[in-house]
mmCIF file of all heavy atoms, coordinates in Angstrom:
data_MODEL
# 
_entry.id   MODEL 
# 
loop_
_atom_site.group_PDB 
_atom_site.id 
_atom_site.type_symbol 
_atom_site.label_atom_id 
_atom_site.label_alt_id 
_atom_site.label_comp_id 
_atom_site.label_asym_id 
_atom_site.label_entity_id 
_atom_site.label_seq_id 
_atom_site.pdbx_PDB_ins_code 
_atom_site.Cartn_x 
_atom_site.Cartn_y 
_atom_site.Cartn_z 
_atom_site.occupancy 
_atom_site.B_iso_or_equiv 
_atom_site.pdbx_formal_charge 
_atom_site.auth_seq_id 
_atom_site.auth_comp_id 
_atom_site.auth_asym_id 
_atom_site.auth_atom_id 
_atom_site.pdbx_PDB_model_num 
ATOM 1   N N   . MET A 1 1  ? -37.811 16.986 -45.603 1.00 0.00 ? 1  MET A N   1 
ATOM 2   C CA  . MET A 1 1  ? -36.483 16.772 -45.097 1.00 0.00 ? 1  MET A CA  1 
ATOM 3   C C   . MET A 1 1  ? -36.402 17.171 -43.630 1.00 0.00 ? 1  MET A C   1 
ATOM 4   O O   . MET A 1 1  ? -35.810 16.457 -42.837 1.00 0.00 ? 1  MET A O   1 
ATOM 5   C CB  . MET A 1 1  ? -35.488 17.576 -45.932 1.00 0.00 ? 1  MET A CB  1 
ATOM 6   C CG  . MET A 1 1  ? -34.060 17.401 -45.463 1.00 0.00 ? 1  MET A CG  1 
ATOM 7   S SD  . MET A 1 1  ? -32.902 18.348 -46.424 1.00 0.00 ? 1  MET A SD  1 
ATOM 8   C CE  . MET A 1 1  ? -32.892 19.856 -45.525 1.00 0.00 ? 1  MET A CE  1 
ATOM 9   N N   . TRP A 1 2  ? -37.006 18.301 -43.280 1.00 0.00 ? 2  TRP A N   1 
ATOM 10  C CA  . TRP A 1 2  ? -36.939 18.753 -41.888 1.00 0.00 ? 2  TRP A CA  1 
ATOM 11  C C   . TRP A 1 2  ? -37.663 17.786 -40.962 1.00 0.00 ? 2  TRP A C   1 
ATOM 12  O O   . TRP A 1 2  ? -37.201 17.510 -39.857 1.00 0.00 ? 2  TRP A O   1 
ATOM 13  C CB  . TRP A 1 2  ? -37.535 20.152 -41.756 1.00 0.00 ? 2  TRP A CB  1 
ATOM 14  C CG  . TRP A 1 2  ? -36.674 21.218 -42.350 1.00 0.00 ? 2  TRP A CG  1 
ATOM 15  C CD1 . TRP A 1 2  ? -36.924 21.907 -43.500 1.00 0.00 ? 2  TRP A CD1 1 
ATOM 16  C CD2 . TRP A 1 2  ? -35.419 21.685 -41.868 1.00 0.00 ? 2  TRP A CD2 1 
ATOM 17  N NE1 . TRP A 1 2  ? -35.903 22.777 -43.745 1.00 0.00 ? 2  TRP A NE1 1 
ATOM 18  C CE2 . TRP A 1 2  ? -34.960 22.672 -42.759 1.00 0.00 ? 2  TRP A CE2 1 
ATOM 19  C CE3 . TRP A 1 2  ? -34.637 21.373 -40.773 1.00 0.00 ? 2  TRP A CE3 1 
ATOM 20  C CZ2 . TRP A 1 2  ? -33.772 23.346 -42.590 1.00 0.00 ? 2  TRP A CZ2 1 
ATOM 21  C CZ3 . TRP A 1 2  ? -33.438 22.050 -40.598 1.00 0.00 ? 2  TRP A CZ3 1 
ATOM 22  C CH2 . TRP A 1 2  ? -33.017 23.013 -41.493 1.00 0.00 ? 2  TRP A CH2 1 
ATOM 23  N N   . VAL A 1 3  ? -38.784 17.264 -41.399 1.00 0.00 ? 3  VAL A N   1 
ATOM 24  C CA  . VAL A 1 3  ? -39.531 16.310 -40.574 1.00 0.00 ? 3  VAL A CA  1 
ATOM 25  C C   . VAL A 1 3  ? -38.700 15.056 -40.366 1.00 0.00 ? 3  VAL A C   1 
ATOM 26  O O   . VAL A 1 3  ? -38.650 14.499 -39.272 1.00 0.00 ? 3  VAL A O   1 
ATOM 27  C CB  . VAL A 1 3  ? -40.894 15.981 -41.220 1.00 0.00 ? 3  VAL A CB  1 
ATOM 28  C CG1 . VAL A 1 3  ? -41.600 14.878 -40.465 1.00 0.00 ? 3  VAL A CG1 1 
ATOM 29  C CG2 . VAL A 1 3  ? -41.762 17.221 -41.280 1.00 0.00 ? 3  VAL A CG2 1 
ATOM 30  N N   . TYR A 1 4  ? -38.029 14.598 -41.403 1.00 0.00 ? 4  TYR A N   1 
ATOM 31  C CA  . TYR A 1 4  ? -37.164 13.416 -41.292 1.00 0.00 ? 4  TYR A CA  1 
ATOM 32  C C   . TYR A 1 4  ? -36.058 13.661 -40.278 1.00 0.00 ? 4  TYR A C   1 
ATOM 33  O O   . TYR A 1 4  ? -35.769 12.785 -39.451 1.00 0.00 ? 4  TYR A O   1 
ATOM 34  C CB  . TYR A 1 4  ? -36.575 13.059 -42.657 1.00 0.00 ? 4  TYR A CB  1 
ATOM 35  C CG  . TYR A 1 4  ? -35.570 11.939 -42.596 1.00 0.00 ? 4  TYR A CG  1 
ATOM 36  C CD1 . TYR A 1 4  ? -35.978 10.631 -42.391 1.00 0.00 ? 4  TYR A CD1 1 
ATOM 37  C CD2 . TYR A 1 4  ? -34.215 12.193 -42.713 1.00 0.00 ? 4  TYR A CD2 1 
ATOM 38  C CE1 . TYR A 1 4  ? -35.071 9.598  -42.310 1.00 0.00 ? 4  TYR A CE1 1 
ATOM 39  C CE2 . TYR A 1 4  ? -33.285 11.180 -42.636 1.00 0.00 ? 4  TYR A CE2 1 
ATOM 40  C CZ  . TYR A 1 4  ? -33.710 9.872  -42.438 1.00 0.00 ? 4  TYR A CZ  1 
ATOM 41  O OH  . TYR A 1 4  ? -32.799 8.867  -42.355 1.00 0.00 ? 4  TYR A OH  1 
ATOM 42  N N   . LEU A 1 5  ? -35.447 14.832 -40.312 1.00 0.00 ? 5  LEU A N   1 
ATOM 43  C CA  . LEU A 1 5  ? -34.383 15.137 -39.348 1.00 0.00 ? 5  LEU A CA  1 
ATOM 44  C C   . LEU A 1 5  ? -34.924 15.180 -37.922 1.00 0.00 ? 5  LEU A C   1 
ATOM 45  O O   . LEU A 1 5  ? -34.251 14.729 -36.990 1.00 0.00 ? 5  LEU A O   1 
ATOM 46  C CB  . LEU A 1 5  ? -33.701 16.453 -39.717 1.00 0.00 ? 5  LEU A CB  1 
ATOM 47  C CG  . LEU A 1 5  ? -32.897 16.434 -41.013 1.00 0.00 ? 5  LEU A CG  1 
ATOM 48  C CD1 . LEU A 1 5  ? -32.397 17.828 -41.341 1.00 0.00 ? 5  LEU A CD1 1 
ATOM 49  C CD2 . LEU A 1 5  ? -31.748 15.447 -40.910 1.00 0.00 ? 5  LEU A CD2 1 
ATOM 50  N N   . TRP A 1 6  ? -36.131 15.705 -37.749 1.00 0.00 ? 6  TRP A N   1 
ATOM 51  C CA  . TRP A 1 6  ? -36.730 15.718 -36.413 1.00 0.00 ? 6  TRP A CA  1 
ATOM 52  C C   . TRP A 1 6  ? -37.065 14.290 -35.965 1.00 0.00 ? 6  TRP A C   1 
ATOM 53  O O   . TRP A 1 6  ? -36.978 13.971 -34.783 1.00 0.00 ? 6  TRP A O   1 
ATOM 54  C CB  . TRP A 1 6  ? -37.994 16.581 -36.391 1.00 0.00 ? 6  TRP A CB  1 
ATOM 55  C CG  . TRP A 1 6  ? -37.669 18.033 -36.224 1.00 0.00 ? 6  TRP A CG  1 
ATOM 56  C CD1 . TRP A 1 6  ? -37.670 18.981 -37.192 1.00 0.00 ? 6  TRP A CD1 1 
ATOM 57  C CD2 . TRP A 1 6  ? -37.285 18.702 -35.021 1.00 0.00 ? 6  TRP A CD2 1 
ATOM 58  N NE1 . TRP A 1 6  ? -37.310 20.188 -36.672 1.00 0.00 ? 6  TRP A NE1 1 
ATOM 59  C CE2 . TRP A 1 6  ? -37.071 20.059 -35.345 1.00 0.00 ? 6  TRP A CE2 1 
ATOM 60  C CE3 . TRP A 1 6  ? -37.100 18.294 -33.701 1.00 0.00 ? 6  TRP A CE3 1 
ATOM 61  C CZ2 . TRP A 1 6  ? -36.688 20.999 -34.399 1.00 0.00 ? 6  TRP A CZ2 1 
ATOM 62  C CZ3 . TRP A 1 6  ? -36.718 19.237 -32.766 1.00 0.00 ? 6  TRP A CZ3 1 
ATOM 63  C CH2 . TRP A 1 6  ? -36.514 20.569 -33.108 1.00 0.00 ? 6  TRP A CH2 1 
ATOM 64  N N   . CYS A 1 7  ? -37.450 13.435 -36.902 1.00 0.00 ? 7  CYS A N   1 
ATOM 65  C CA  . CYS A 1 7  ? -37.777 12.048 -36.548 1.00 0.00 ? 7  CYS A CA  1 
ATOM 66  C C   . CYS A 1 7  ? -36.533 11.276 -36.131 1.00 0.00 ? 7  CYS A C   1 
ATOM 67  O O   . CYS A 1 7  ? -36.651 10.257 -35.437 1.00 0.00 ? 7  CYS A O   1 
ATOM 68  C CB  . CYS A 1 7  ? -38.456 11.345 -37.715 1.00 0.00 ? 7  CYS A CB  1 
ATOM 69  S SG  . CYS A 1 7  ? -40.182 11.796 -37.897 1.00 0.00 ? 7  CYS A SG  1 
ATOM 70  N N   . LEU A 1 8  ? -35.362 11.708 -36.564 1.00 0.00 ? 8  LEU A N   1 
ATOM 71  C CA  . LEU A 1 8  ? -34.137 11.048 -36.134 1.00 0.00 ? 8  LEU A CA  1 
ATOM 72  C C   . LEU A 1 8  ? -33.930 11.191 -34.628 1.00 0.00 ? 8  LEU A C   1 
ATOM 73  O O   . LEU A 1 8  ? -33.338 10.315 -33.999 1.00 0.00 ? 8  LEU A O   1 
ATOM 74  C CB  . LEU A 1 8  ? -32.927 11.609 -36.882 1.00 0.00 ? 8  LEU A CB  1 
ATOM 75  C CG  . LEU A 1 8  ? -32.810 11.204 -38.345 1.00 0.00 ? 8  LEU A CG  1 
ATOM 76  C CD1 . LEU A 1 8  ? -31.606 11.895 -38.971 1.00 0.00 ? 8  LEU A CD1 1 
ATOM 77  C CD2 . LEU A 1 8  ? -32.703 9.708  -38.508 1.00 0.00 ? 8  LEU A CD2 1 
ATOM 78  N N   . LEU A 1 9  ? -34.404 12.295 -34.068 1.00 0.00 ? 9  LEU A N   1 
ATOM 79  C CA  . LEU A 1 9  ? -34.283 12.479 -32.622 1.00 0.00 ? 9  LEU A CA  1 
ATOM 80  C C   . LEU A 1 9  ? -35.164 11.472 -31.888 1.00 0.00 ? 9  LEU A C   1 
ATOM 81  O O   . LEU A 1 9  ? -34.694 10.687 -31.093 1.00 0.00 ? 9  LEU A O   1 
ATOM 82  C CB  . LEU A 1 9  ? -34.672 13.903 -32.231 1.00 0.00 ? 9  LEU A CB  1 
ATOM 83  C CG  . LEU A 1 9  ? -33.763 15.004 -32.734 1.00 0.00 ? 9  LEU A CG  1 
ATOM 84  C CD1 . LEU A 1 9  ? -34.353 16.362 -32.378 1.00 0.00 ? 9  LEU A CD1 1 
ATOM 85  C CD2 . LEU A 1 9  ? -32.382 14.867 -32.143 1.00 0.00 ? 9  LEU A CD2 1 
ATOM 86  N N   . LEU A 1 10 ? -36.414 11.538 -32.159 1.00 0.00 ? 10 LEU A N   1 
ATOM 87  C CA  . LEU A 1 10 ? -37.418 10.621 -31.605 1.00 0.00 ? 10 LEU A CA  1 
ATOM 88  C C   . LEU A 1 10 ? -38.657 10.726 -32.474 1.00 0.00 ? 10 LEU A C   1 
ATOM 89  O O   . LEU A 1 10 ? -38.803 11.651 -33.267 1.00 0.00 ? 10 LEU A O   1 
ATOM 90  C CB  . LEU A 1 10 ? -37.769 10.985 -30.158 1.00 0.00 ? 10 LEU A CB  1 
ATOM 91  C CG  . LEU A 1 10 ? -36.732 10.624 -29.089 1.00 0.00 ? 10 LEU A CG  1 
ATOM 92  C CD1 . LEU A 1 10 ? -37.173 11.168 -27.754 1.00 0.00 ? 10 LEU A CD1 1 
ATOM 93  C CD2 . LEU A 1 10 ? -36.495 9.143  -28.976 1.00 0.00 ? 10 LEU A CD2 1 
ATOM 94  N N   . ILE A 1 11 ? -39.568 9.816  -32.302 1.00 0.00 ? 11 ILE A N   1 
ATOM 95  C CA  . ILE A 1 11 ? -40.790 9.812  -33.100 1.00 0.00 ? 11 ILE A CA  1 
ATOM 96  C C   . ILE A 1 11 ? -41.700 10.983 -32.726 1.00 0.00 ? 11 ILE A C   1 
ATOM 97  O O   . ILE A 1 11 ? -42.241 11.660 -33.602 1.00 0.00 ? 11 ILE A O   1 
ATOM 98  C CB  . ILE A 1 11 ? -41.547 8.474  -32.931 1.00 0.00 ? 11 ILE A CB  1 
ATOM 99  C CG1 . ILE A 1 11 ? -40.678 7.312  -33.383 1.00 0.00 ? 11 ILE A CG1 1 
ATOM 100 C CG2 . ILE A 1 11 ? -42.867 8.502  -33.673 1.00 0.00 ? 11 ILE A CG2 1 
ATOM 101 C CD1 . ILE A 1 11 ? -40.300 7.344  -34.841 1.00 0.00 ? 11 ILE A CD1 1 
ATOM 102 N N   . ILE A 1 12 ? -41.859 11.239 -31.443 1.00 0.00 ? 12 ILE A N   1 
ATOM 103 C CA  . ILE A 1 12 ? -42.785 12.277 -30.981 1.00 0.00 ? 12 ILE A CA  1 
ATOM 104 C C   . ILE A 1 12 ? -42.389 13.669 -31.485 1.00 0.00 ? 12 ILE A C   1 
ATOM 105 O O   . ILE A 1 12 ? -43.253 14.392 -31.998 1.00 0.00 ? 12 ILE A O   1 
ATOM 106 C CB  . ILE A 1 12 ? -42.921 12.249 -29.439 1.00 0.00 ? 12 ILE A CB  1 
ATOM 107 C CG1 . ILE A 1 12 ? -43.382 10.881 -28.951 1.00 0.00 ? 12 ILE A CG1 1 
ATOM 108 C CG2 . ILE A 1 12 ? -43.844 13.353 -28.951 1.00 0.00 ? 12 ILE A CG2 1 
ATOM 109 C CD1 . ILE A 1 12 ? -44.722 10.435 -29.484 1.00 0.00 ? 12 ILE A CD1 1 
ATOM 110 N N   . PRO A 1 13 ? -41.103 14.084 -31.372 1.00 0.00 ? 13 PRO A N   1 
ATOM 111 C CA  . PRO A 1 13 ? -40.763 15.397 -31.939 1.00 0.00 ? 13 PRO A CA  1 
ATOM 112 C C   . PRO A 1 13 ? -41.002 15.465 -33.443 1.00 0.00 ? 13 PRO A C   1 
ATOM 113 O O   . PRO A 1 13 ? -41.378 16.514 -33.968 1.00 0.00 ? 13 PRO A O   1 
ATOM 114 C CB  . PRO A 1 13 ? -39.276 15.563 -31.632 1.00 0.00 ? 13 PRO A CB  1 
ATOM 115 C CG  . PRO A 1 13 ? -39.030 14.695 -30.467 1.00 0.00 ? 13 PRO A CG  1 
ATOM 116 C CD  . PRO A 1 13 ? -39.967 13.536 -30.627 1.00 0.00 ? 13 PRO A CD  1 
ATOM 117 N N   . GLY A 1 14 ? -40.822 14.356 -34.140 1.00 0.00 ? 14 GLY A N   1 
ATOM 118 C CA  . GLY A 1 14 ? -41.099 14.333 -35.577 1.00 0.00 ? 14 GLY A CA  1 
ATOM 119 C C   . GLY A 1 14 ? -42.563 14.551 -35.881 1.00 0.00 ? 14 GLY A C   1 
ATOM 120 O O   . GLY A 1 14 ? -42.912 15.257 -36.830 1.00 0.00 ? 14 GLY A O   1 
ATOM 121 N N   . ILE A 1 15 ? -43.434 13.944 -35.079 1.00 0.00 ? 15 ILE A N   1 
ATOM 122 C CA  . ILE A 1 15 ? -44.880 14.134 -35.260 1.00 0.00 ? 15 ILE A CA  1 
ATOM 123 C C   . ILE A 1 15 ? -45.264 15.578 -34.968 1.00 0.00 ? 15 ILE A C   1 
ATOM 124 O O   . ILE A 1 15 ? -46.035 16.189 -35.717 1.00 0.00 ? 15 ILE A O   1 
ATOM 125 C CB  . ILE A 1 15 ? -45.669 13.149 -34.369 1.00 0.00 ? 15 ILE A CB  1 
ATOM 126 C CG1 . ILE A 1 15 ? -45.453 11.722 -34.851 1.00 0.00 ? 15 ILE A CG1 1 
ATOM 127 C CG2 . ILE A 1 15 ? -47.151 13.510 -34.351 1.00 0.00 ? 15 ILE A CG2 1 
ATOM 128 C CD1 . ILE A 1 15 ? -46.015 10.670 -33.923 1.00 0.00 ? 15 ILE A CD1 1 
ATOM 129 N N   . ILE A 1 16 ? -44.706 16.132 -33.899 1.00 0.00 ? 16 ILE A N   1 
ATOM 130 C CA  . ILE A 1 16 ? -45.023 17.514 -33.528 1.00 0.00 ? 16 ILE A CA  1 
ATOM 131 C C   . ILE A 1 16 ? -44.578 18.478 -34.621 1.00 0.00 ? 16 ILE A C   1 
ATOM 132 O O   . ILE A 1 16 ? -45.311 19.387 -35.015 1.00 0.00 ? 16 ILE A O   1 
ATOM 133 C CB  . ILE A 1 16 ? -44.384 17.861 -32.168 1.00 0.00 ? 16 ILE A CB  1 
ATOM 134 C CG1 . ILE A 1 16 ? -45.063 17.059 -31.065 1.00 0.00 ? 16 ILE A CG1 1 
ATOM 135 C CG2 . ILE A 1 16 ? -44.479 19.357 -31.884 1.00 0.00 ? 16 ILE A CG2 1 
ATOM 136 C CD1 . ILE A 1 16 ? -44.376 17.140 -29.715 1.00 0.00 ? 16 ILE A CD1 1 
ATOM 137 N N   . LYS A 1 17 ? -43.369 18.278 -35.143 1.00 0.00 ? 17 LYS A N   1 
ATOM 138 C CA  . LYS A 1 17 ? -42.874 19.163 -36.193 1.00 0.00 ? 17 LYS A CA  1 
ATOM 139 C C   . LYS A 1 17 ? -43.631 18.973 -37.506 1.00 0.00 ? 17 LYS A C   1 
ATOM 140 O O   . LYS A 1 17 ? -43.830 19.924 -38.253 1.00 0.00 ? 17 LYS A O   1 
ATOM 141 C CB  . LYS A 1 17 ? -41.373 18.966 -36.415 1.00 0.00 ? 17 LYS A CB  1 
ATOM 142 C CG  . LYS A 1 17 ? -40.541 19.699 -35.420 1.00 0.00 ? 17 LYS A CG  1 
ATOM 143 C CD  . LYS A 1 17 ? -40.849 21.184 -35.477 1.00 0.00 ? 17 LYS A CD  1 
ATOM 144 C CE  . LYS A 1 17 ? -40.018 21.963 -34.508 1.00 0.00 ? 17 LYS A CE  1 
ATOM 145 N NZ  . LYS A 1 17 ? -40.308 23.390 -34.540 1.00 0.00 ? 17 LYS A NZ  1 
ATOM 146 N N   . SER A 1 18 ? -44.050 17.747 -37.797 1.00 0.00 ? 18 SER A N   1 
ATOM 147 C CA  . SER A 1 18 ? -44.820 17.549 -39.028 1.00 0.00 ? 18 SER A CA  1 
ATOM 148 C C   . SER A 1 18 ? -46.158 18.270 -38.944 1.00 0.00 ? 18 SER A C   1 
ATOM 149 O O   . SER A 1 18 ? -46.642 18.802 -39.944 1.00 0.00 ? 18 SER A O   1 
ATOM 150 C CB  . SER A 1 18 ? -45.021 16.063 -39.310 1.00 0.00 ? 18 SER A CB  1 
ATOM 151 O OG  . SER A 1 18 ? -45.888 15.488 -38.369 1.00 0.00 ? 18 SER A OG  1 
ATOM 152 N N   . ILE A 1 19 ? -46.738 18.327 -37.753 1.00 0.00 ? 19 ILE A N   1 
ATOM 153 C CA  . ILE A 1 19 ? -47.977 19.091 -37.577 1.00 0.00 ? 19 ILE A CA  1 
ATOM 154 C C   . ILE A 1 19 ? -47.682 20.586 -37.673 1.00 0.00 ? 19 ILE A C   1 
ATOM 155 O O   . ILE A 1 19 ? -48.450 21.343 -38.277 1.00 0.00 ? 19 ILE A O   1 
ATOM 156 C CB  . ILE A 1 19 ? -48.653 18.724 -36.245 1.00 0.00 ? 19 ILE A CB  1 
ATOM 157 C CG1 . ILE A 1 19 ? -49.174 17.288 -36.304 1.00 0.00 ? 19 ILE A CG1 1 
ATOM 158 C CG2 . ILE A 1 19 ? -49.780 19.695 -35.918 1.00 0.00 ? 19 ILE A CG2 1 
ATOM 159 C CD1 . ILE A 1 19 ? -49.688 16.757 -34.994 1.00 0.00 ? 19 ILE A CD1 1 
ATOM 160 N N   . ALA A 1 20 ? -46.545 21.017 -37.102 1.00 0.00 ? 20 ALA A N   1 
ATOM 161 C CA  . ALA A 1 20 ? -46.187 22.433 -37.167 1.00 0.00 ? 20 ALA A CA  1 
ATOM 162 C C   . ALA A 1 20 ? -45.952 22.888 -38.600 1.00 0.00 ? 20 ALA A C   1 
ATOM 163 O O   . ALA A 1 20 ? -46.289 24.013 -38.968 1.00 0.00 ? 20 ALA A O   1 
ATOM 164 C CB  . ALA A 1 20 ? -44.939 22.697 -36.326 1.00 0.00 ? 20 ALA A CB  1 
ATOM 165 N N   . TYR A 1 21 ? -45.396 22.029 -39.440 1.00 0.00 ? 21 TYR A N   1 
ATOM 166 C CA  . TYR A 1 21 ? -45.115 22.373 -40.829 1.00 0.00 ? 21 TYR A CA  1 
ATOM 167 C C   . TYR A 1 21 ? -46.278 22.043 -41.767 1.00 0.00 ? 21 TYR A C   1 
ATOM 168 O O   . TYR A 1 21 ? -46.189 22.302 -42.960 1.00 0.00 ? 21 TYR A O   1 
ATOM 169 C CB  . TYR A 1 21 ? -43.888 21.614 -41.330 1.00 0.00 ? 21 TYR A CB  1 
ATOM 170 C CG  . TYR A 1 21 ? -42.597 21.929 -40.620 1.00 0.00 ? 21 TYR A CG  1 
ATOM 171 C CD1 . TYR A 1 21 ? -41.604 20.966 -40.481 1.00 0.00 ? 21 TYR A CD1 1 
ATOM 172 C CD2 . TYR A 1 21 ? -42.340 23.185 -40.096 1.00 0.00 ? 21 TYR A CD2 1 
ATOM 173 C CE1 . TYR A 1 21 ? -40.411 21.239 -39.847 1.00 0.00 ? 21 TYR A CE1 1 
ATOM 174 C CE2 . TYR A 1 21 ? -41.150 23.471 -39.453 1.00 0.00 ? 21 TYR A CE2 1 
ATOM 175 C CZ  . TYR A 1 21 ? -40.189 22.497 -39.333 1.00 0.00 ? 21 TYR A CZ  1 
ATOM 176 O OH  . TYR A 1 21 ? -39.010 22.772 -38.707 1.00 0.00 ? 21 TYR A OH  1 
ATOM 177 N N   . SER A 1 22 ? -47.364 21.491 -41.262 1.00 0.00 ? 22 SER A N   1 
ATOM 178 C CA  . SER A 1 22 ? -48.430 20.970 -42.125 1.00 0.00 ? 22 SER A CA  1 
ATOM 179 C C   . SER A 1 22 ? -49.142 22.032 -42.953 1.00 0.00 ? 22 SER A C   1 
ATOM 180 O O   . SER A 1 22 ? -49.690 21.716 -44.008 1.00 0.00 ? 22 SER A O   1 
ATOM 181 C CB  . SER A 1 22 ? -49.448 20.209 -41.278 1.00 0.00 ? 22 SER A CB  1 
ATOM 182 O OG  . SER A 1 22 ? -50.109 21.094 -40.389 1.00 0.00 ? 22 SER A OG  1 
ATOM 183 N N   . MET A 1 23 ? -49.160 23.255 -42.539 1.00 0.00 ? 23 MET A N   1 
ATOM 184 C CA  . MET A 1 23 ? -49.867 24.298 -43.279 1.00 0.00 ? 23 MET A CA  1 
ATOM 185 C C   . MET A 1 23 ? -49.017 24.950 -44.352 1.00 0.00 ? 23 MET A C   1 
ATOM 186 O O   . MET A 1 23 ? -49.504 25.769 -45.131 1.00 0.00 ? 23 MET A O   1 
ATOM 187 C CB  . MET A 1 23 ? -50.384 25.374 -42.313 1.00 0.00 ? 23 MET A CB  1 
ATOM 188 C CG  . MET A 1 23 ? -51.385 24.862 -41.314 1.00 0.00 ? 23 MET A CG  1 
ATOM 189 S SD  . MET A 1 23 ? -52.881 24.295 -42.117 1.00 0.00 ? 23 MET A SD  1 
ATOM 190 C CE  . MET A 1 23 ? -53.269 22.880 -41.142 1.00 0.00 ? 23 MET A CE  1 
ATOM 191 N N   . SER A 1 24 ? -47.735 24.601 -44.435 1.00 0.00 ? 24 SER A N   1 
ATOM 192 C CA  . SER A 1 24 ? -46.841 25.266 -45.390 1.00 0.00 ? 24 SER A CA  1 
ATOM 193 C C   . SER A 1 24 ? -47.243 24.998 -46.841 1.00 0.00 ? 24 SER A C   1 
ATOM 194 O O   . SER A 1 24 ? -47.116 25.889 -47.691 1.00 0.00 ? 24 SER A O   1 
ATOM 195 C CB  . SER A 1 24 ? -45.395 24.847 -45.147 1.00 0.00 ? 24 SER A CB  1 
ATOM 196 O OG  . SER A 1 24 ? -45.245 23.458 -45.288 1.00 0.00 ? 24 SER A OG  1 
ATOM 197 N N   . MET A 1 25 ? -47.730 23.813 -47.144 1.00 0.00 ? 25 MET A N   1 
ATOM 198 C CA  . MET A 1 25 ? -48.165 23.532 -48.522 1.00 0.00 ? 25 MET A CA  1 
ATOM 199 C C   . MET A 1 25 ? -49.344 24.413 -48.924 1.00 0.00 ? 25 MET A C   1 
ATOM 200 O O   . MET A 1 25 ? -49.420 24.884 -50.058 1.00 0.00 ? 25 MET A O   1 
ATOM 201 C CB  . MET A 1 25 ? -48.560 22.063 -48.666 1.00 0.00 ? 25 MET A CB  1 
ATOM 202 C CG  . MET A 1 25 ? -47.408 21.104 -48.517 1.00 0.00 ? 25 MET A CG  1 
ATOM 203 S SD  . MET A 1 25 ? -47.889 19.399 -48.778 1.00 0.00 ? 25 MET A SD  1 
ATOM 204 C CE  . MET A 1 25 ? -49.014 19.131 -47.415 1.00 0.00 ? 25 MET A CE  1 
ATOM 205 N N   . TYR A 1 26 ? -50.246 24.649 -47.992 1.00 0.00 ? 26 TYR A N   1 
ATOM 206 C CA  . TYR A 1 26 ? -51.403 25.481 -48.279 1.00 0.00 ? 26 TYR A CA  1 
ATOM 207 C C   . TYR A 1 26 ? -51.004 26.947 -48.404 1.00 0.00 ? 26 TYR A C   1 
ATOM 208 O O   . TYR A 1 26 ? -51.584 27.682 -49.201 1.00 0.00 ? 26 TYR A O   1 
ATOM 209 C CB  . TYR A 1 26 ? -52.473 25.301 -47.204 1.00 0.00 ? 26 TYR A CB  1 
ATOM 210 C CG  . TYR A 1 26 ? -53.004 23.899 -47.156 1.00 0.00 ? 26 TYR A CG  1 
ATOM 211 C CD1 . TYR A 1 26 ? -52.601 23.012 -46.171 1.00 0.00 ? 26 TYR A CD1 1 
ATOM 212 C CD2 . TYR A 1 26 ? -53.886 23.453 -48.120 1.00 0.00 ? 26 TYR A CD2 1 
ATOM 213 C CE1 . TYR A 1 26 ? -53.074 21.712 -46.143 1.00 0.00 ? 26 TYR A CE1 1 
ATOM 214 C CE2 . TYR A 1 26 ? -54.370 22.155 -48.105 1.00 0.00 ? 26 TYR A CE2 1 
ATOM 215 C CZ  . TYR A 1 26 ? -53.957 21.291 -47.109 1.00 0.00 ? 26 TYR A CZ  1 
ATOM 216 O OH  . TYR A 1 26 ? -54.426 20.013 -47.093 1.00 0.00 ? 26 TYR A OH  1 
ATOM 217 N N   . ILE A 1 27 ? -50.008 27.368 -47.622 1.00 0.00 ? 27 ILE A N   1 
ATOM 218 C CA  . ILE A 1 27 ? -49.523 28.744 -47.711 1.00 0.00 ? 27 ILE A CA  1 
ATOM 219 C C   . ILE A 1 27 ? -48.918 28.986 -49.089 1.00 0.00 ? 27 ILE A C   1 
ATOM 220 O O   . ILE A 1 27 ? -49.194 29.994 -49.737 1.00 0.00 ? 27 ILE A O   1 
ATOM 221 C CB  . ILE A 1 27 ? -48.498 29.021 -46.588 1.00 0.00 ? 27 ILE A CB  1 
ATOM 222 C CG1 . ILE A 1 27 ? -49.184 28.988 -45.222 1.00 0.00 ? 27 ILE A CG1 1 
ATOM 223 C CG2 . ILE A 1 27 ? -47.810 30.365 -46.809 1.00 0.00 ? 27 ILE A CG2 1 
ATOM 224 C CD1 . ILE A 1 27 ? -48.241 28.993 -44.045 1.00 0.00 ? 27 ILE A CD1 1 
# 
């Protein structure tokens, strides 16, 4: 959901945030 909200701003911030959140599943 958070990645989707960031993608609403622009594509690039969505990609950056998806990478920032990418380790949460492993945590």
